[in-house]
Amino acid sequence: MIPQYSPGDLVYLNPHKPPHFGDPVIVQCKNGDGTYETSVGIYAKRTEKFIILDKHNPKAQVQILRDTIHAMHKILTLNELFGV
């Protein structure tokens, strides 16, 4: 997610605050073999079957099947974290 986040950056999630379109999110998906895969992106769209994330580097849009999503959490900004 460079330039928004650099490798090693600490991010904070709020599992109780629902993400809105345009928010940075972390999406955890369950694979068919029981393992999990996580993706970071900007919550762009939601369709009947997919969640669509915008990626920064390289510029792309990723479709994730909604049936595979285990959890999706909003990444908090520093202002939200400190209540500003």
N, C-alpha and C. Protein backbone atom coordinates (compact mmCIF):
# COMPACT_ATOMS: atom_id res chain seq x y z
N MET A 1 0.83 -1.21 0.00
CA MET A 1 0.00 0.00 0.00
C MET A 1 0.87 1.26 0.00
N ILE A 2 2.10 1.12 -0.47
CA ILE A 2 2.93 2.32 -0.64
C ILE A 2 2.23 3.18 -1.68
N PRO A 3 2.06 4.44 -1.56
CA PRO A 3 2.64 5.41 -0.64
C PRO A 3 1.81 5.65 0.62
N GLN A 4 0.63 5.06 0.74
CA GLN A 4 -0.21 5.32 1.92
C GLN A 4 0.41 4.74 3.19
N TYR A 5 0.94 3.52 3.09
CA TYR A 5 1.61 2.86 4.21
C TYR A 5 2.94 2.33 3.71
N SER A 6 3.94 2.39 4.56
CA SER A 6 5.26 1.86 4.23
C SER A 6 5.44 0.51 4.90
N PRO A 7 6.35 -0.33 4.37
CA PRO A 7 6.60 -1.61 5.03
C PRO A 7 7.01 -1.37 6.48
N GLY A 8 6.41 -2.14 7.38
CA GLY A 8 6.72 -2.02 8.80
C GLY A 8 5.87 -1.01 9.54
N ASP A 9 5.02 -0.24 8.83
CA ASP A 9 4.14 0.71 9.51
C ASP A 9 3.16 -0.04 10.41
N LEU A 10 2.91 0.52 11.56
CA LEU A 10 1.94 -0.02 12.49
C LEU A 10 0.59 0.60 12.16
N VAL A 11 -0.42 -0.24 11.95
CA VAL A 11 -1.77 0.26 11.68
C VAL A 11 -2.70 -0.26 12.76
N TYR A 12 -3.77 0.47 12.99
CA TYR A 12 -4.76 0.11 13.99
C TYR A 12 -6.09 -0.16 13.32
N LEU A 13 -6.76 -1.19 13.79
CA LEU A 13 -8.05 -1.60 13.23
C LEU A 13 -9.13 -1.39 14.27
N ASN A 14 -10.35 -1.19 13.77
CA ASN A 14 -11.49 -1.12 14.66
C ASN A 14 -12.52 -2.12 14.16
N PRO A 15 -12.64 -3.27 14.85
CA PRO A 15 -13.59 -4.28 14.39
C PRO A 15 -15.05 -3.89 14.59
N HIS A 16 -15.30 -2.80 15.33
CA HIS A 16 -16.68 -2.39 15.62
C HIS A 16 -17.12 -1.19 14.79
N LYS A 17 -16.24 -0.63 13.98
CA LYS A 17 -16.59 0.53 13.15
C LYS A 17 -16.67 0.05 11.70
N PRO A 18 -17.86 0.04 11.13
CA PRO A 18 -17.99 -0.48 9.77
C PRO A 18 -17.28 0.40 8.75
N PRO A 19 -16.59 -0.23 7.79
CA PRO A 19 -15.92 0.56 6.76
C PRO A 19 -16.92 1.14 5.77
N HIS A 20 -16.55 2.29 5.23
CA HIS A 20 -17.34 2.95 4.18
C HIS A 20 -16.50 2.99 2.91
N PHE A 21 -17.17 3.19 1.79
CA PHE A 21 -16.45 3.29 0.53
C PHE A 21 -15.41 4.40 0.63
N GLY A 22 -14.19 4.10 0.18
CA GLY A 22 -13.10 5.06 0.24
C GLY A 22 -12.19 4.88 1.44
N ASP A 23 -12.60 4.04 2.41
CA ASP A 23 -11.79 3.78 3.60
C ASP A 23 -10.70 2.75 3.30
N PRO A 24 -9.53 2.90 3.92
CA PRO A 24 -8.55 1.82 3.86
C PRO A 24 -9.01 0.68 4.76
N VAL A 25 -8.90 -0.55 4.25
CA VAL A 25 -9.39 -1.72 4.99
C VAL A 25 -8.38 -2.87 4.91
N ILE A 26 -8.54 -3.79 5.85
CA ILE A 26 -7.86 -5.08 5.80
C ILE A 26 -8.96 -6.12 5.67
N VAL A 27 -8.81 -6.99 4.67
CA VAL A 27 -9.80 -8.04 4.41
C VAL A 27 -9.13 -9.39 4.64
N GLN A 28 -9.74 -10.20 5.50
CA GLN A 28 -9.22 -11.54 5.78
C GLN A 28 -10.15 -12.54 5.11
N CYS A 29 -9.57 -13.39 4.24
CA CYS A 29 -10.35 -14.37 3.50
C CYS A 29 -9.92 -15.78 3.88
N LYS A 30 -10.88 -16.68 3.94
CA LYS A 30 -10.60 -18.09 4.23
C LYS A 30 -10.45 -18.83 2.92
N ASN A 31 -9.31 -19.51 2.77
CA ASN A 31 -9.05 -20.32 1.59
C ASN A 31 -9.72 -21.68 1.73
N GLY A 32 -9.81 -22.39 0.63
CA GLY A 32 -10.45 -23.70 0.63
C GLY A 32 -9.74 -24.73 1.50
N ASP A 33 -8.44 -24.54 1.76
CA ASP A 33 -7.68 -25.50 2.57
C ASP A 33 -7.68 -25.15 4.06
N GLY A 34 -8.50 -24.18 4.46
CA GLY A 34 -8.60 -23.81 5.86
C GLY A 34 -7.64 -22.73 6.31
N THR A 35 -6.74 -22.30 5.43
CA THR A 35 -5.82 -21.22 5.77
C THR A 35 -6.47 -19.88 5.47
N TYR A 36 -5.85 -18.80 5.94
CA TYR A 36 -6.38 -17.46 5.73
C TYR A 36 -5.38 -16.62 4.94
N GLU A 37 -5.92 -15.70 4.17
CA GLU A 37 -5.11 -14.76 3.39
C GLU A 37 -5.64 -13.37 3.67
N THR A 38 -4.74 -12.41 3.81
CA THR A 38 -5.13 -11.04 4.15
C THR A 38 -4.71 -10.09 3.05
N SER A 39 -5.55 -9.11 2.77
CA SER A 39 -5.25 -8.11 1.77
C SER A 39 -5.59 -6.72 2.31
N VAL A 40 -4.75 -5.75 1.96
CA VAL A 40 -4.97 -4.36 2.35
C VAL A 40 -5.31 -3.58 1.10
N GLY A 41 -6.29 -2.71 1.19
CA GLY A 41 -6.67 -1.89 0.05
C GLY A 41 -7.67 -0.82 0.44
N ILE A 42 -8.10 -0.07 -0.55
CA ILE A 42 -9.13 0.96 -0.37
C ILE A 42 -10.46 0.35 -0.79
N TYR A 43 -11.42 0.40 0.10
CA TYR A 43 -12.75 -0.17 -0.16
C TYR A 43 -13.42 0.65 -1.25
N ALA A 44 -13.51 0.08 -2.45
CA ALA A 44 -14.00 0.83 -3.60
C ALA A 44 -15.48 0.56 -3.91
N LYS A 45 -15.85 -0.72 -3.98
CA LYS A 45 -17.21 -1.07 -4.39
C LYS A 45 -17.63 -2.37 -3.73
N ARG A 46 -18.95 -2.60 -3.77
CA ARG A 46 -19.51 -3.87 -3.31
C ARG A 46 -20.57 -4.26 -4.33
N THR A 47 -20.48 -5.48 -4.82
CA THR A 47 -21.51 -6.00 -5.71
C THR A 47 -22.18 -7.17 -4.99
N GLU A 48 -23.09 -7.81 -5.67
CA GLU A 48 -23.79 -8.94 -5.08
C GLU A 48 -22.82 -10.06 -4.70
N LYS A 49 -21.75 -10.25 -5.51
CA LYS A 49 -20.83 -11.37 -5.29
C LYS A 49 -19.43 -10.96 -4.83
N PHE A 50 -19.04 -9.69 -5.04
CA PHE A 50 -17.66 -9.30 -4.81
C PHE A 50 -17.53 -8.05 -3.95
N ILE A 51 -16.40 -7.95 -3.26
CA ILE A 51 -15.91 -6.71 -2.68
C ILE A 51 -14.75 -6.29 -3.58
N ILE A 52 -14.68 -5.03 -3.94
CA ILE A 52 -13.63 -4.56 -4.83
C ILE A 52 -12.75 -3.58 -4.07
N LEU A 53 -11.44 -3.86 -4.09
CA LEU A 53 -10.46 -3.02 -3.44
C LEU A 53 -9.58 -2.34 -4.47
N ASP A 54 -9.27 -1.07 -4.25
CA ASP A 54 -8.27 -0.37 -5.05
C ASP A 54 -6.92 -0.58 -4.40
N LYS A 55 -5.92 -0.86 -5.21
CA LYS A 55 -4.55 -1.04 -4.74
C LYS A 55 -3.70 0.11 -5.26
N HIS A 56 -2.68 0.49 -4.48
CA HIS A 56 -1.80 1.60 -4.86
C HIS A 56 -0.62 1.17 -5.73
N ASN A 57 0.02 0.07 -5.34
CA ASN A 57 1.31 -0.25 -5.95
C ASN A 57 1.41 -1.75 -6.21
N PRO A 58 1.21 -2.19 -7.44
CA PRO A 58 0.88 -1.41 -8.63
C PRO A 58 -0.61 -1.03 -8.63
N LYS A 59 -0.95 0.00 -9.37
CA LYS A 59 -2.34 0.46 -9.47
C LYS A 59 -3.18 -0.68 -10.03
N ALA A 60 -4.19 -1.06 -9.28
CA ALA A 60 -5.05 -2.16 -9.71
C ALA A 60 -6.33 -2.15 -8.90
N GLN A 61 -7.32 -2.89 -9.40
CA GLN A 61 -8.52 -3.19 -8.64
C GLN A 61 -8.59 -4.69 -8.48
N VAL A 62 -8.87 -5.13 -7.25
CA VAL A 62 -8.91 -6.55 -6.92
C VAL A 62 -10.32 -6.90 -6.50
N GLN A 63 -10.84 -7.98 -7.08
CA GLN A 63 -12.16 -8.47 -6.70
C GLN A 63 -11.99 -9.64 -5.75
N ILE A 64 -12.72 -9.59 -4.63
CA ILE A 64 -12.67 -10.67 -3.65
C ILE A 64 -14.09 -11.20 -3.48
N LEU A 65 -14.23 -12.51 -3.64
CA LEU A 65 -15.55 -13.13 -3.47
C LEU A 65 -16.06 -12.90 -2.05
N ARG A 66 -17.26 -12.38 -1.95
CA ARG A 66 -17.84 -12.09 -0.63
C ARG A 66 -18.00 -13.35 0.21
N ASP A 67 -18.25 -14.50 -0.44
CA ASP A 67 -18.43 -15.76 0.28
C ASP A 67 -17.16 -16.20 1.01
N THR A 68 -15.99 -15.73 0.56
CA THR A 68 -14.73 -16.15 1.18
C THR A 68 -14.28 -15.21 2.29
N ILE A 69 -14.94 -14.07 2.45
CA ILE A 69 -14.50 -13.07 3.43
C ILE A 69 -14.85 -13.52 4.84
N HIS A 70 -13.83 -13.61 5.67
CA HIS A 70 -14.00 -13.96 7.08
C HIS A 70 -14.21 -12.68 7.91
N ALA A 71 -13.44 -11.62 7.60
CA ALA A 71 -13.55 -10.36 8.32
C ALA A 71 -13.03 -9.22 7.44
N MET A 72 -13.62 -8.05 7.63
CA MET A 72 -13.13 -6.84 6.95
C MET A 72 -13.18 -5.71 7.97
N HIS A 73 -12.02 -5.10 8.22
CA HIS A 73 -11.91 -4.07 9.23
C HIS A 73 -11.35 -2.78 8.66
N LYS A 74 -11.88 -1.68 9.14
CA LYS A 74 -11.40 -0.35 8.75
C LYS A 74 -10.06 -0.08 9.43
N ILE A 75 -9.11 0.46 8.67
CA ILE A 75 -7.85 0.92 9.23
C ILE A 75 -8.07 2.36 9.68
N LEU A 76 -7.79 2.62 10.94
CA LEU A 76 -8.03 3.94 11.50
C LEU A 76 -6.96 4.94 11.10
N THR A 77 -7.37 6.19 10.89
CA THR A 77 -6.42 7.28 10.72
C THR A 77 -5.95 7.69 12.10
N LEU A 78 -4.87 8.44 12.17
CA LEU A 78 -4.39 8.92 13.47
C LEU A 78 -5.43 9.81 14.13
N ASN A 79 -6.15 10.61 13.36
CA ASN A 79 -7.19 11.47 13.93
C ASN A 79 -8.28 10.62 14.57
N GLU A 80 -8.71 9.56 13.91
CA GLU A 80 -9.75 8.69 14.47
C GLU A 80 -9.23 7.97 15.71
N LEU A 81 -7.97 7.56 15.65
CA LEU A 81 -7.39 6.85 16.78
C LEU A 81 -7.34 7.71 18.04
N PHE A 82 -7.02 9.00 17.87
CA PHE A 82 -6.90 9.90 19.01
C PHE A 82 -8.17 10.73 19.25
N GLY A 83 -9.24 10.46 18.51
CA GLY A 83 -10.51 11.13 18.74
C GLY A 83 -10.54 12.59 18.31
N VAL A 84 -9.74 12.94 17.32
CA VAL A 84 -9.70 14.33 16.84
C VAL A 84 -10.75 14.52 15.77
